[in-house]
């Protein structure tokens, strides 16, 4: 029993020391490295949003202005919880070369790989100030992250243009700044301006392209032969990996009132 209490005390001291070192505005590096969310349980619970979730999993929610309920993937176990997952790549089971309507409405499987949908992302950001977290892993298993504390996009009439990012924190590099004020584009709907390259056709996925990118997280999932070489069409965050592919991505959002 004494040994048990000593272990708990040491763990508590370690966590407190890490929090003092890294602060409440960014996650502990050990948490970034060790976070895993492969198996997902589907709960039959209705939530206003993911800040109410006590466990990682799938829940039911409702977005104002939409006619029906929506299933949402929540993360409660990482960096204070309250996260809504809006994109996930890791198994290469879902093709992300999709058209405008599919990116607008969302596609894929919430239990594995998916894009949650531009309209739902817009409705999350319009409800209250929102922060966004990009978690990435390269082919060697090294992880890095980027987060922004005031992420927001416009709606359909402005092609879901990124209207704010806020302050950047992280270790992956400020890969979204180049895309600020850019509309979303897909291979069948180029919105990024006359005279610019048709980036979605060139680089595979739908994104906020800006002639063309410093991040391309909806790009092609790398084939085996592309894992250890430059792949300009593949999933990329250039400040983290240059143009070498990324094999795991999870993008999450939450209201900034939720803090660890």
Protein backbone atom coordinates (compact mmCIF):
# COMPACT_ATOMS: atom_id res chain seq x y z
CA UNK A 1 0.00 0.00 0.00
CA UNK A 2 2.83 2.39 0.89
CA UNK A 3 4.57 1.62 -2.39
CA UNK A 4 1.30 2.37 -4.24
CA UNK A 5 0.92 5.77 -2.60
CA UNK A 6 4.57 6.64 -3.25
CA UNK A 7 4.09 5.82 -6.94
CA UNK A 8 1.01 8.04 -7.15
CA UNK A 9 2.89 10.84 -5.42
CA UNK A 10 5.80 10.58 -7.85
CA UNK A 11 3.44 10.56 -10.83
CA UNK A 12 1.66 13.62 -9.47
CA UNK A 13 4.92 15.48 -8.92
CA UNK A 14 6.08 14.57 -12.43
CA UNK A 15 2.85 15.84 -13.98
CA UNK A 16 3.04 19.05 -11.95
CA UNK A 17 6.65 19.64 -13.00
CA UNK A 18 5.76 19.10 -16.68
CA UNK A 19 2.84 21.51 -16.39
CA UNK A 20 5.10 24.18 -14.86
CA UNK A 21 7.62 23.61 -17.64
CA UNK A 22 5.26 23.63 -20.60
CA UNK A 23 2.38 25.72 -19.26
CA UNK A 24 -1.35 25.36 -19.86
CA UNK A 25 -1.25 26.74 -23.40
CA UNK A 26 0.47 23.72 -24.96
CA UNK A 27 0.53 19.97 -24.38
CA UNK A 28 3.22 17.97 -22.64
CA UNK A 29 5.53 16.42 -25.31
CA UNK A 30 5.04 13.01 -23.69
CA UNK A 31 1.30 13.39 -24.19
CA UNK A 32 1.81 14.19 -27.88
CA UNK A 33 4.05 11.16 -28.33
CA UNK A 34 1.90 8.70 -26.39
CA UNK A 35 -1.57 9.76 -27.49
CA UNK A 36 -3.41 6.94 -29.25
CA UNK A 37 -7.04 6.68 -30.31
CA UNK A 38 -7.37 3.62 -32.53
CA UNK A 39 -10.37 1.84 -31.03
CA UNK A 40 -13.45 4.05 -30.80
CA UNK A 41 -16.64 3.27 -28.92
CA UNK A 42 -19.99 4.57 -30.16
CA UNK A 43 -21.95 6.05 -27.24
CA UNK A 44 -25.69 6.49 -27.47
CA UNK A 45 -25.45 9.90 -25.83
CA UNK A 46 -26.55 13.29 -27.12
CA UNK A 47 -24.07 16.12 -26.51
CA UNK A 48 -24.33 19.83 -27.17
CA UNK A 49 -20.66 19.60 -28.17
CA UNK A 50 -17.54 17.60 -27.36
CA UNK A 51 -16.77 19.64 -24.25
CA UNK A 52 -19.39 17.46 -22.54
CA UNK A 53 -17.70 14.16 -23.48
CA UNK A 54 -16.16 12.17 -20.63
CA UNK A 55 -14.56 9.56 -22.87
CA UNK A 56 -13.09 9.38 -26.36
CA UNK A 57 -15.71 8.14 -28.78
CA UNK A 58 -18.58 8.83 -31.14
CA UNK A 59 -21.58 10.83 -29.94
CA UNK A 60 -24.65 12.52 -31.40
CA UNK A 61 -24.85 16.31 -31.65
CA UNK A 62 -26.83 19.00 -33.45
CA UNK A 63 -25.54 21.97 -35.43
CA UNK A 64 -27.69 25.08 -35.55
CA UNK A 65 -29.07 25.63 -39.01
CA UNK A 66 -28.92 21.98 -40.06
CA UNK A 67 -32.01 19.80 -40.39
CA UNK A 68 -30.79 16.64 -38.70
CA UNK A 69 -28.48 15.42 -35.97
CA UNK A 70 -24.87 14.60 -36.72
CA UNK A 71 -22.46 12.00 -35.37
CA UNK A 72 -19.29 13.53 -33.97
CA UNK A 73 -15.94 12.07 -32.87
CA UNK A 74 -14.84 13.52 -29.52
CA UNK A 75 -11.50 13.33 -27.75
CA UNK A 76 -11.58 13.69 -23.97
CA UNK A 77 -8.24 12.06 -23.11
CA UNK A 78 -5.83 14.51 -24.78
CA UNK A 79 -4.66 17.93 -23.56
CA UNK A 80 -7.65 18.80 -21.41
CA UNK A 81 -10.30 17.19 -23.62
CA UNK A 82 -13.22 18.89 -25.31
CA UNK A 83 -11.89 18.23 -28.82
CA UNK A 84 -14.00 17.65 -31.92
CA UNK A 85 -12.05 15.68 -34.53
CA UNK A 86 -12.55 17.19 -37.99
CA UNK A 87 -10.01 15.17 -39.99
CA UNK A 88 -8.09 11.94 -39.52
CA UNK A 89 -5.63 10.02 -41.69
CA UNK A 90 -3.75 6.87 -40.77
CA UNK A 91 -4.95 3.65 -42.41
CA UNK A 92 -5.13 4.68 -46.08
CA UNK A 93 -8.65 3.28 -46.33
CA UNK A 94 -10.34 6.43 -47.63
CA UNK A 95 -9.59 8.31 -50.85
CA UNK A 96 -9.32 12.05 -50.16
CA UNK A 97 -9.41 13.04 -53.83
CA UNK A 98 -13.03 14.21 -53.58
CA UNK A 99 -15.20 16.85 -55.19
CA UNK A 100 -16.56 20.08 -53.74
CA UNK A 101 -19.87 18.67 -52.50
CA UNK A 102 -18.13 15.83 -50.69
CA UNK A 103 -15.71 18.19 -48.96
CA UNK A 104 -18.61 20.45 -48.05
CA UNK A 105 -20.71 17.65 -46.53
CA UNK A 106 -17.95 15.37 -45.24
CA UNK A 107 -16.92 11.82 -46.12
CA UNK A 108 -15.21 8.71 -44.78
CA UNK A 109 -15.63 6.65 -41.62
CA UNK A 110 -15.50 8.42 -38.23
CA UNK A 111 -13.98 5.27 -36.72
CA UNK A 112 -10.97 5.37 -39.04
CA UNK A 113 -10.32 8.04 -41.69
CA UNK A 114 -12.57 10.96 -42.54
CA UNK A 115 -13.12 14.61 -43.36
CA UNK A 116 -15.88 16.02 -41.16
CA UNK A 117 -17.22 18.55 -43.68
CA UNK A 118 -16.67 22.26 -44.33
CA UNK A 119 -20.21 23.22 -43.40
CA UNK A 120 -19.95 21.54 -39.99
CA UNK A 121 -16.50 23.06 -39.42
CA UNK A 122 -17.93 26.48 -40.24
CA UNK A 123 -20.81 26.02 -37.81
CA UNK A 124 -18.41 25.02 -35.04
CA UNK A 125 -16.30 28.15 -35.53
CA UNK A 126 -19.29 30.50 -35.83
CA UNK A 127 -20.70 29.47 -32.45
CA UNK A 128 -17.81 30.73 -30.29
CA UNK A 129 -14.03 31.41 -30.45
CA UNK A 130 -12.28 28.19 -31.38
CA UNK A 131 -8.78 26.77 -31.26
CA UNK A 132 -7.46 24.16 -33.67
CA UNK A 133 -4.82 21.47 -33.16
CA UNK A 134 -2.88 19.65 -35.90
CA UNK A 135 -1.18 16.43 -34.75
CA UNK A 136 1.17 14.79 -37.28
CA UNK A 137 3.53 11.83 -37.50
CA UNK A 138 6.19 11.04 -40.10
CA UNK A 139 7.22 7.67 -41.51
CA UNK A 140 9.80 7.18 -38.73
CA UNK A 141 7.19 7.63 -35.99
CA UNK A 142 8.26 11.14 -34.95
CA UNK A 143 5.36 13.39 -33.99
CA UNK A 144 4.93 17.15 -34.07
CA UNK A 145 2.03 19.53 -33.63
CA UNK A 146 0.78 22.98 -34.52
CA UNK A 147 -2.06 24.83 -32.83
CA UNK A 148 -3.82 28.16 -33.35
CA UNK A 149 -6.00 29.89 -30.78
CA UNK A 150 -8.47 31.82 -32.98
CA UNK A 151 -9.34 29.59 -35.93
CA UNK A 152 -12.42 30.57 -37.94
CA UNK A 153 -13.70 30.24 -41.50
CA UNK A 154 -16.42 31.99 -43.48
CA UNK A 155 -19.41 30.08 -44.81
CA UNK A 156 -20.37 28.81 -48.24
CA UNK A 157 -20.93 32.26 -49.80
CA UNK A 158 -17.21 32.97 -49.32
CA UNK A 159 -16.09 29.43 -50.15
CA UNK A 160 -15.15 28.66 -46.54
CA UNK A 161 -12.23 31.09 -46.60
CA UNK A 162 -9.98 31.05 -43.53
CA UNK A 163 -10.73 34.37 -41.85
CA UNK A 164 -8.51 34.01 -38.76
CA UNK A 165 -5.91 31.74 -37.20
CA UNK A 166 -4.79 33.56 -34.08
CA UNK A 167 -1.51 32.87 -32.35
CA UNK A 168 0.57 29.89 -33.45
CA UNK A 169 2.13 27.48 -30.97
CA UNK A 170 3.87 24.22 -31.59
CA UNK A 171 6.91 22.48 -32.96
CA UNK A 172 5.81 21.56 -36.50
CA UNK A 173 6.19 25.12 -37.81
CA UNK A 174 3.59 27.70 -38.78
CA UNK A 175 2.28 25.79 -41.76
CA UNK A 176 -1.16 27.42 -41.93
CA UNK A 177 -0.14 31.09 -42.05
CA UNK A 178 0.47 30.90 -45.82
CA UNK A 179 -3.16 29.76 -46.19
CA UNK A 180 -4.76 32.56 -44.18
CA UNK A 181 -7.44 34.46 -46.16
CA UNK A 182 -7.59 31.71 -48.77
CA UNK A 183 -10.82 29.97 -49.85
CA UNK A 184 -11.15 26.21 -50.00
CA UNK A 185 -10.61 24.58 -53.40
CA UNK A 186 -11.17 21.13 -54.86
CA UNK A 187 -10.28 19.58 -58.22
CA UNK A 188 -13.72 20.48 -59.60
CA UNK A 189 -13.94 23.94 -58.02
CA UNK A 190 -10.90 26.19 -58.14
CA UNK A 191 -11.46 29.17 -55.83
CA UNK A 192 -7.94 30.40 -55.19
CA UNK A 193 -7.86 33.16 -57.78
CA UNK A 194 -7.02 33.84 -61.41
CA UNK A 195 -3.40 33.40 -62.37
CA UNK A 196 -2.78 30.84 -59.65
CA UNK A 197 -2.07 27.19 -60.32
CA UNK A 198 -4.91 24.68 -60.09
CA UNK A 199 -3.40 23.31 -56.91
CA UNK A 200 -6.06 20.76 -56.05
CA UNK A 201 -5.59 19.02 -59.38
CA UNK A 202 -1.83 19.14 -59.05
CA UNK A 203 -1.60 18.08 -55.41
CA UNK A 204 -4.51 15.69 -55.05
CA UNK A 205 -6.81 16.86 -52.23
CA UNK A 206 -9.12 19.69 -51.24
CA UNK A 207 -7.46 22.45 -49.18
CA UNK A 208 -7.10 26.19 -48.65
CA UNK A 209 -4.53 26.39 -51.43
CA UNK A 210 -2.47 29.52 -52.06
CA UNK A 211 -0.37 28.82 -55.15
CA UNK A 212 0.07 26.22 -53.74
CA UNK A 213 0.88 25.17 -50.15
CA UNK A 214 2.98 24.94 -47.04
CA UNK A 215 0.49 22.42 -45.69
CA UNK A 216 -1.48 19.83 -47.63
CA UNK A 217 -3.04 17.50 -45.10
CA UNK A 218 -5.72 16.18 -47.46
CA UNK A 219 -3.12 15.13 -50.02
CA UNK A 220 -2.46 11.63 -51.28
CA UNK A 221 -1.68 8.99 -48.68
CA UNK A 222 1.85 7.79 -49.52
CA UNK A 223 2.32 4.46 -51.26
CA UNK A 224 4.99 2.14 -49.90
CA UNK A 225 7.53 3.28 -52.49
CA UNK A 226 6.85 6.95 -51.55
CA UNK A 227 7.36 6.57 -47.79
CA UNK A 228 11.02 7.63 -47.69
CA UNK A 229 11.30 10.06 -50.55
CA UNK A 230 9.87 13.43 -51.53
CA UNK A 231 6.25 13.24 -52.60
CA UNK A 232 4.73 16.57 -53.61
CA UNK A 233 1.20 15.17 -53.94
CA UNK A 234 1.28 13.40 -50.57
CA UNK A 235 0.14 14.52 -47.13
CA UNK A 236 2.58 17.29 -46.22
CA UNK A 237 3.46 20.00 -43.71
CA UNK A 238 6.58 21.48 -45.24
CA UNK A 239 8.09 23.05 -42.10
CA UNK A 240 7.93 19.67 -40.38
CA UNK A 241 8.90 17.30 -43.17
CA UNK A 242 9.66 19.40 -46.22
CA UNK A 243 7.95 17.33 -48.92
CA UNK A 244 8.49 13.97 -47.29
CA UNK A 245 5.16 12.30 -46.56
CA UNK A 246 3.23 12.20 -43.32
CA UNK A 247 1.48 8.96 -42.39
CA UNK A 248 -0.73 10.09 -39.49
CA UNK A 249 -2.76 13.29 -39.09
CA UNK A 250 -5.50 14.24 -36.69
CA UNK A 251 -7.04 17.71 -36.75
CA UNK A 252 -9.12 18.73 -33.71
CA UNK A 253 -11.06 21.82 -32.64
CA UNK A 254 -12.54 23.07 -29.37
CA UNK A 255 -13.88 26.27 -27.80
CA UNK A 256 -11.04 28.31 -26.30
CA UNK A 257 -12.88 28.41 -22.97
CA UNK A 258 -11.70 24.82 -22.46
CA UNK A 259 -8.20 24.78 -21.02
CA UNK A 260 -6.05 22.18 -19.29
